[in-house]
Amino acid sequence: MSQSNLANGPLRATQWLFLLGAIAGCVLPLNYFIRFLAAEGLNVSLFFQQLFHNNISAFFAMDVFVSTIVLWIFVFVEGKRRNMKALWVYVAASMLVGVSLALPLFLFFREGQLASQRQG
């Protein structure tokens, strides 16, 4: 991650949008996953059976899998280019919740890094 965004001054509107996106991207998917865990426990085979139950759900699953790989590439390329630290956090966020958390979280901290680089 970058240095503290609060130390770089007030958050810009874009950062607020990314932060709100990260919160929504965490809360909304986890709401459904927690319901699954409460009903079925950590039943991995049932999870994948339901994930690929029909063509539409398989379509979304494959979309997320490909998006996750592309996100990881983007995080490491752009993160190194912007001299960001702890890039593994975004990979972990994508594996624990999904792209819906990891991407806006990365963009939130990237905006802070860009602002601090502009300031000098």
C-alpha atoms as a PDB file:
ATOM      1  CA  MET A   1       0.000   0.000   0.000  1.00  0.00           C
ATOM      2  CA  SER A   2       1.029   3.590  -0.192  1.00  0.00           C
ATOM      3  CA  GLN A   3       1.821   5.928   2.629  1.00  0.00           C
ATOM      4  CA  SER A   4      -1.149   6.982   4.735  1.00  0.00           C
ATOM      5  CA  ASN A   5      -3.702   8.764   2.611  1.00  0.00           C
ATOM      6  CA  LEU A   6      -4.597  10.965   5.575  1.00  0.00           C
ATOM      7  CA  ALA A   7      -1.017  12.188   5.763  1.00  0.00           C
ATOM      8  CA  ASN A   8      -1.281  13.273   2.126  1.00  0.00           C
ATOM      9  CA  GLY A   9      -4.154  15.617   2.824  1.00  0.00           C
ATOM     10  CA  PRO A  10      -7.908  15.280   2.471  1.00  0.00           C
ATOM     11  CA  LEU A  11      -9.344  12.522   0.329  1.00  0.00           C
ATOM     12  CA  ARG A  12     -10.327  13.522  -3.171  1.00  0.00           C
ATOM     13  CA  ALA A  13     -13.808  12.769  -4.524  1.00  0.00           C
ATOM     14  CA  THR A  14     -12.373   9.960  -6.640  1.00  0.00           C
ATOM     15  CA  GLN A  15     -10.820   8.351  -3.584  1.00  0.00           C
ATOM     16  CA  TRP A  16     -14.131   8.537  -1.728  1.00  0.00           C
ATOM     17  CA  LEU A  17     -15.857   6.802  -4.644  1.00  0.00           C
ATOM     18  CA  PHE A  18     -13.233   4.050  -4.675  1.00  0.00           C
ATOM     19  CA  LEU A  19     -13.512   3.657  -0.901  1.00  0.00           C
ATOM     20  CA  LEU A  20     -17.302   3.383  -1.108  1.00  0.00           C
ATOM     21  CA  GLY A  21     -16.866   0.876  -3.935  1.00  0.00           C
ATOM     22  CA  ALA A  22     -14.507  -1.209  -1.795  1.00  0.00           C
ATOM     23  CA  ILE A  23     -16.959  -1.207   1.117  1.00  0.00           C
ATOM     24  CA  ALA A  24     -19.872  -2.206  -1.125  1.00  0.00           C
ATOM     25  CA  GLY A  25     -17.624  -4.722  -2.883  1.00  0.00           C
ATOM     26  CA  CYS A  26     -16.917  -6.353   0.461  1.00  0.00           C
ATOM     27  CA  VAL A  27     -20.312  -6.203   2.151  1.00  0.00           C
ATOM     28  CA  LEU A  28     -22.557  -7.245  -0.738  1.00  0.00           C
ATOM     29  CA  PRO A  29     -20.747 -10.429  -1.854  1.00  0.00           C
ATOM     30  CA  LEU A  30     -19.963 -11.517   1.715  1.00  0.00           C
ATOM     31  CA  ASN A  31     -23.644 -11.214   2.587  1.00  0.00           C
ATOM     32  CA  TYR A  32     -24.393 -14.097   0.200  1.00  0.00           C
ATOM     33  CA  PHE A  33     -21.305 -16.113   1.069  1.00  0.00           C
ATOM     34  CA  ILE A  34     -22.074 -15.935   4.793  1.00  0.00           C
ATOM     35  CA  ARG A  35     -25.600 -17.161   4.081  1.00  0.00           C
ATOM     36  CA  PHE A  36     -24.143 -20.107   2.172  1.00  0.00           C
ATOM     37  CA  LEU A  37     -21.752 -20.898   5.038  1.00  0.00           C
ATOM     38  CA  ALA A  38     -24.561 -20.671   7.594  1.00  0.00           C
ATOM     39  CA  ALA A  39     -26.729 -23.087   5.599  1.00  0.00           C
ATOM     40  CA  GLU A  40     -24.116 -25.505   4.232  1.00  0.00           C
ATOM     41  CA  GLY A  41     -20.921 -25.005   6.201  1.00  0.00           C
ATOM     42  CA  LEU A  42     -17.615 -25.030   4.355  1.00  0.00           C
ATOM     43  CA  ASN A  43     -18.805 -27.524   1.739  1.00  0.00           C
ATOM     44  CA  VAL A  44     -16.346 -26.854  -1.095  1.00  0.00           C
ATOM     45  CA  SER A  45     -17.776 -29.418  -3.501  1.00  0.00           C
ATOM     46  CA  LEU A  46     -21.300 -28.000  -3.090  1.00  0.00           C
ATOM     47  CA  PHE A  47     -19.932 -24.488  -3.513  1.00  0.00           C
ATOM     48  CA  PHE A  48     -18.435 -25.342  -6.921  1.00  0.00           C
ATOM     49  CA  GLN A  49     -21.446 -27.447  -7.885  1.00  0.00           C
ATOM     50  CA  GLN A  50     -23.711 -24.446  -7.299  1.00  0.00           C
ATOM     51  CA  LEU A  51     -21.221 -22.046  -8.872  1.00  0.00           C
ATOM     52  CA  PHE A  52     -21.309 -23.995 -12.149  1.00  0.00           C
ATOM     53  CA  HIS A  53     -24.944 -25.127 -11.832  1.00  0.00           C
ATOM     54  CA  ASN A  54     -26.000 -23.612 -15.167  1.00  0.00           C
ATOM     55  CA  ASN A  55     -24.536 -21.728 -18.113  1.00  0.00           C
ATOM     56  CA  ILE A  56     -25.336 -18.293 -16.695  1.00  0.00           C
ATOM     57  CA  SER A  57     -23.681 -18.892 -13.322  1.00  0.00           C
ATOM     58  CA  ALA A  58     -20.700 -20.533 -15.091  1.00  0.00           C
ATOM     59  CA  PHE A  59     -20.468 -17.470 -17.341  1.00  0.00           C
ATOM     60  CA  PHE A  60     -20.200 -15.183 -14.304  1.00  0.00           C
ATOM     61  CA  ALA A  61     -17.761 -17.534 -12.559  1.00  0.00           C
ATOM     62  CA  MET A  62     -15.413 -17.610 -15.536  1.00  0.00           C
ATOM     63  CA  ASP A  63     -15.705 -13.831 -15.907  1.00  0.00           C
ATOM     64  CA  VAL A  64     -14.615 -13.406 -12.295  1.00  0.00           C
ATOM     65  CA  PHE A  65     -11.763 -15.922 -12.614  1.00  0.00           C
ATOM     66  CA  VAL A  66     -10.337 -14.162 -15.680  1.00  0.00           C
ATOM     67  CA  SER A  67     -10.868 -10.722 -14.128  1.00  0.00           C
ATOM     68  CA  THR A  68      -9.003 -11.851 -11.011  1.00  0.00           C
ATOM     69  CA  ILE A  69      -5.936 -12.947 -12.987  1.00  0.00           C
ATOM     70  CA  VAL A  70      -5.943  -9.694 -14.971  1.00  0.00           C
ATOM     71  CA  LEU A  71      -6.321  -7.725 -11.722  1.00  0.00           C
ATOM     72  CA  TRP A  72      -3.280  -9.445 -10.219  1.00  0.00           C
ATOM     73  CA  ILE A  73      -1.201  -8.536 -13.278  1.00  0.00           C
ATOM     74  CA  PHE A  74      -2.438  -4.953 -13.141  1.00  0.00           C
ATOM     75  CA  VAL A  75      -1.764  -4.668  -9.408  1.00  0.00           C
ATOM     76  CA  PHE A  76       1.842  -5.839  -9.718  1.00  0.00           C
ATOM     77  CA  VAL A  77       2.654  -3.872 -12.885  1.00  0.00           C
ATOM     78  CA  GLU A  78       0.982  -0.622 -11.851  1.00  0.00           C
ATOM     79  CA  GLY A  79       1.865  -1.033  -8.175  1.00  0.00           C
ATOM     80  CA  LYS A  80       5.580  -1.399  -8.947  1.00  0.00           C
ATOM     81  CA  ARG A  81       5.397   1.460 -11.452  1.00  0.00           C
ATOM     82  CA  ARG A  82       3.887   3.695  -8.743  1.00  0.00           C
ATOM     83  CA  ASN A  83       6.243   2.395  -6.044  1.00  0.00           C
ATOM     84  CA  MET A  84       3.367   1.060  -3.919  1.00  0.00           C
ATOM     85  CA  LYS A  85       4.046  -1.297  -1.023  1.00  0.00           C
ATOM     86  CA  ALA A  86       2.379  -4.514   0.217  1.00  0.00           C
ATOM     87  CA  LEU A  87       0.862  -5.441  -3.132  1.00  0.00           C
ATOM     88  CA  TRP A  88       0.058  -8.883  -1.741  1.00  0.00           C
ATOM     89  CA  VAL A  89      -2.810  -7.273   0.213  1.00  0.00           C
ATOM     90  CA  TYR A  90      -4.811  -6.815  -2.999  1.00  0.00           C
ATOM     91  CA  VAL A  91      -4.220 -10.417  -4.057  1.00  0.00           C
ATOM     92  CA  ALA A  92      -5.384 -11.558  -0.618  1.00  0.00           C
ATOM     93  CA  ALA A  93      -8.460  -9.289  -0.842  1.00  0.00           C
ATOM     94  CA  SER A  94      -9.341 -10.805  -4.208  1.00  0.00           C
ATOM     95  CA  MET A  95      -9.016 -14.322  -2.841  1.00  0.00           C
ATOM     96  CA  LEU A  96     -10.877 -13.659   0.421  1.00  0.00           C
ATOM     97  CA  VAL A  97     -13.723 -11.592  -1.051  1.00  0.00           C
ATOM     98  CA  GLY A  98     -13.205 -10.933  -4.745  1.00  0.00           C
ATOM     99  CA  VAL A  99     -12.374  -8.436  -7.429  1.00  0.00           C
ATOM    100  CA  SER A 100     -15.256  -6.316  -6.123  1.00  0.00           C
ATOM    101  CA  LEU A 101     -13.142  -5.502  -3.057  1.00  0.00           C
ATOM    102  CA  ALA A 102      -9.610  -5.777  -4.400  1.00  0.00           C
ATOM    103  CA  LEU A 103      -9.929  -3.485  -7.421  1.00  0.00           C
ATOM    104  CA  PRO A 104     -11.519  -0.453  -5.739  1.00  0.00           C
ATOM    105  CA  LEU A 105      -9.220  -0.915  -2.721  1.00  0.00           C
ATOM    106  CA  PHE A 106      -6.169  -0.874  -4.995  1.00  0.00           C
ATOM    107  CA  LEU A 107      -7.509   2.161  -6.874  1.00  0.00           C
ATOM    108  CA  PHE A 108      -8.173   3.970  -3.583  1.00  0.00           C
ATOM    109  CA  PHE A 109      -4.563   3.582  -2.468  1.00  0.00           C
ATOM    110  CA  ARG A 110      -3.235   4.211  -5.965  1.00  0.00           C
ATOM    111  CA  GLU A 111      -5.010   7.593  -5.993  1.00  0.00           C
ATOM    112  CA  GLY A 112      -3.325   8.425  -2.688  1.00  0.00           C
ATOM    113  CA  GLN A 113       0.053   7.404  -4.102  1.00  0.00           C
ATOM    114  CA  LEU A 114      -0.498   9.519  -7.220  1.00  0.00           C
ATOM    115  CA  ALA A 115      -1.419  12.520  -5.078  1.00  0.00           C
ATOM    116  CA  SER A 116       1.694  12.154  -2.933  1.00  0.00           C
ATOM    117  CA  GLN A 117       3.895  11.805  -6.028  1.00  0.00           C
ATOM    118  CA  ARG A 118       2.380  14.982  -7.497  1.00  0.00           C
ATOM    119  CA  GLN A 119       3.099  16.843  -4.252  1.00  0.00           C
ATOM    120  CA  GLY A 120       6.690  15.951  -4.459  1.00  0.00           C
END
